[in-house]
Amino acid sequence: MMASGKKGGLMKGAATAIAGAVVPAVVDAAVRPETWSKAAAFVEQQHIADKLSHAASKLPLPKRATPAQVIESQLESVERLISTHSAELSNDAPIEDWQREVSKIRAALELFGKDSGKDRKSKLKRLQERTQKLYNSAFDAALE
């Protein structure tokens, strides 16, 4: 019974000794500026921002989302980007143009909902194209 107690004590002592040697080396390596610059370079090389943007665009919408709901969702995303990240965007980002386009598309979407004409499908397609162009413009600017 005593032998297993000594063995456990030896293992704890060995683990403590190893941790005492390894932890300072890991901490020392982590706080070096060159470690951070290498990590930043690696992240940049992996195009993580582009991958996240692509993944977000592939997120499924509700199964029964109508084209109008998809357009509205994209408009909300653009508005959220403007409200939360406008300070981080470049100075030449056309934020006011984006805001005007969001308003125009929303007004057109409201009129579209009341329209029953035969060119309804082509109007919807134009709205979808305008919305996608706006969405791409805003998120491309955010990734720069």
Protein backbone atom coordinates (compact mmCIF):
# COMPACT_ATOMS: atom_id res chain seq x y z
CA MET A 1 0.00 0.00 0.00
CA MET A 2 2.86 2.31 0.82
CA ALA A 3 4.58 1.74 -2.53
CA SER A 4 1.67 3.14 -4.52
CA GLY A 5 1.63 6.24 -2.31
CA LYS A 6 5.31 6.84 -3.01
CA LYS A 7 4.73 6.26 -6.72
CA GLY A 8 1.92 8.83 -6.75
CA GLY A 9 4.12 11.31 -4.91
CA LEU A 10 6.94 10.75 -7.39
CA MET A 11 4.57 11.32 -10.33
CA LYS A 12 3.27 14.53 -8.80
CA GLY A 13 6.81 15.68 -8.16
CA ALA A 14 7.86 14.86 -11.71
CA ALA A 15 4.83 16.66 -13.12
CA THR A 16 5.58 19.70 -10.99
CA ALA A 17 9.21 19.73 -12.12
CA ILE A 18 8.25 19.43 -15.78
CA ALA A 19 5.61 22.14 -15.45
CA GLY A 20 8.14 24.34 -13.66
CA ALA A 21 10.49 24.04 -16.63
CA VAL A 22 7.97 24.14 -19.47
CA VAL A 23 5.58 26.90 -18.34
CA PRO A 24 8.22 29.66 -18.14
CA ALA A 25 9.53 28.68 -21.60
CA VAL A 26 6.03 28.81 -23.09
CA VAL A 27 5.26 32.15 -21.44
CA ASP A 28 8.60 33.56 -22.57
CA ALA A 29 7.93 32.48 -26.17
CA ALA A 30 4.38 33.90 -26.08
CA VAL A 31 5.38 37.39 -24.96
CA ARG A 32 8.12 37.92 -27.53
CA PRO A 33 7.12 40.49 -30.16
CA GLU A 34 8.36 38.28 -32.98
CA THR A 35 5.97 35.54 -31.85
CA TRP A 36 3.04 37.92 -32.18
CA SER A 37 4.19 39.19 -35.56
CA LYS A 38 4.58 35.61 -36.81
CA ALA A 39 1.10 34.78 -35.54
CA ALA A 40 -0.36 37.88 -37.21
CA ALA A 41 1.40 37.03 -40.48
CA PHE A 42 0.04 33.48 -40.30
CA VAL A 43 -3.52 34.72 -39.72
CA GLU A 44 -3.18 37.15 -42.64
CA GLN A 45 -1.82 34.43 -44.93
CA GLN A 46 -4.77 32.20 -44.10
CA HIS A 47 -7.25 34.86 -45.29
CA ILE A 48 -9.38 34.22 -42.23
CA ALA A 49 -11.49 37.36 -42.72
CA ASP A 50 -12.36 36.26 -46.26
CA LYS A 51 -13.18 32.76 -45.08
CA LEU A 52 -15.44 34.09 -42.31
CA SER A 53 -17.23 36.36 -44.76
CA HIS A 54 -17.72 33.49 -47.19
CA ALA A 55 -18.97 31.21 -44.42
CA ALA A 56 -21.42 33.87 -43.21
CA SER A 57 -22.82 34.24 -46.70
CA LYS A 58 -23.47 30.49 -46.77
CA LEU A 59 -25.41 30.43 -43.51
CA PRO A 60 -28.85 29.07 -44.20
CA LEU A 61 -31.79 31.38 -43.94
CA PRO A 62 -35.04 30.12 -42.51
CA LYS A 63 -36.34 27.35 -44.76
CA ARG A 64 -39.38 29.32 -45.83
CA ALA A 65 -37.65 32.64 -46.44
CA THR A 66 -39.26 34.50 -49.28
CA PRO A 67 -37.11 36.53 -51.67
CA ALA A 68 -38.39 39.65 -49.92
CA GLN A 69 -37.25 38.26 -46.54
CA VAL A 70 -33.81 37.52 -47.98
CA ILE A 71 -33.55 41.09 -49.27
CA GLU A 72 -34.65 42.46 -45.90
CA SER A 73 -32.12 40.28 -44.11
CA GLN A 74 -29.32 41.58 -46.32
CA LEU A 75 -30.43 45.18 -45.77
CA GLU A 76 -30.41 44.62 -42.01
CA SER A 77 -26.90 43.20 -42.26
CA VAL A 78 -25.68 46.27 -44.13
CA GLU A 79 -27.32 48.56 -41.56
CA ARG A 80 -25.75 46.57 -38.72
CA LEU A 81 -22.34 46.83 -40.38
CA ILE A 82 -22.73 50.59 -40.78
CA SER A 83 -23.90 51.14 -37.20
CA THR A 84 -21.31 48.93 -35.53
CA HIS A 85 -18.24 49.26 -37.75
CA SER A 86 -18.46 52.62 -39.51
CA ALA A 87 -15.51 53.97 -37.49
CA GLU A 88 -13.34 51.09 -38.68
CA LEU A 89 -14.16 51.56 -42.37
CA SER A 90 -11.87 53.59 -44.59
CA ASN A 91 -12.52 57.32 -44.86
CA ASP A 92 -13.64 56.99 -48.46
CA ALA A 93 -16.26 54.31 -47.72
CA PRO A 94 -19.57 55.53 -49.19
CA ILE A 95 -21.56 55.08 -45.99
CA GLU A 96 -24.13 57.75 -46.84
CA ASP A 97 -24.63 56.21 -50.29
CA TRP A 98 -25.19 52.82 -48.68
CA GLN A 99 -27.73 54.29 -46.28
CA ARG A 100 -29.60 56.00 -49.13
CA GLU A 101 -29.57 52.78 -51.17
CA VAL A 102 -30.95 50.81 -48.19
CA SER A 103 -33.82 53.34 -47.94
CA LYS A 104 -34.49 53.21 -51.69
CA ILE A 105 -34.51 49.41 -51.78
CA ARG A 106 -36.84 49.27 -48.76
CA ALA A 107 -39.23 51.70 -50.46
CA ALA A 108 -39.11 49.66 -53.67
CA LEU A 109 -39.64 46.47 -51.67
CA GLU A 110 -42.74 47.96 -50.06
CA LEU A 111 -44.12 48.94 -53.47
CA PHE A 112 -43.23 45.51 -54.80
CA GLY A 113 -45.35 43.91 -52.08
CA LYS A 114 -48.37 45.82 -53.36
CA ASP A 115 -47.65 45.17 -57.04
CA SER A 116 -49.49 42.47 -58.92
CA GLY A 117 -48.34 43.31 -62.44
CA LYS A 118 -46.99 40.83 -64.92
CA ASP A 119 -43.44 42.23 -64.71
CA ARG A 120 -43.36 41.48 -60.97
CA LYS A 121 -40.75 38.74 -61.41
CA SER A 122 -38.32 41.01 -63.28
CA LYS A 123 -38.78 43.74 -60.65
CA LEU A 124 -37.94 41.25 -57.92
CA LYS A 125 -34.84 40.15 -59.81
CA ARG A 126 -33.67 43.78 -60.14
CA LEU A 127 -34.25 44.33 -56.40
CA GLN A 128 -32.27 41.20 -55.59
CA GLU A 129 -29.40 42.34 -57.82
CA ARG A 130 -29.36 45.85 -56.29
CA THR A 131 -29.41 44.41 -52.80
CA GLN A 132 -26.63 41.94 -53.54
CA LYS A 133 -24.49 44.71 -55.08
CA LEU A 134 -25.01 46.88 -51.99
CA TYR A 135 -24.31 43.97 -49.65
CA ASN A 136 -21.11 43.05 -51.48
CA SER A 137 -19.92 46.63 -51.60
CA ALA A 138 -20.38 47.16 -47.87
CA PHE A 139 -18.78 43.91 -46.78
CA ASP A 140 -15.90 44.18 -49.24
CA ALA A 141 -15.14 47.62 -47.77
CA ALA A 142 -15.27 46.15 -44.27
CA LEU A 143 -12.69 43.51 -45.20
CA GLU A 144 -10.21 46.05 -46.56
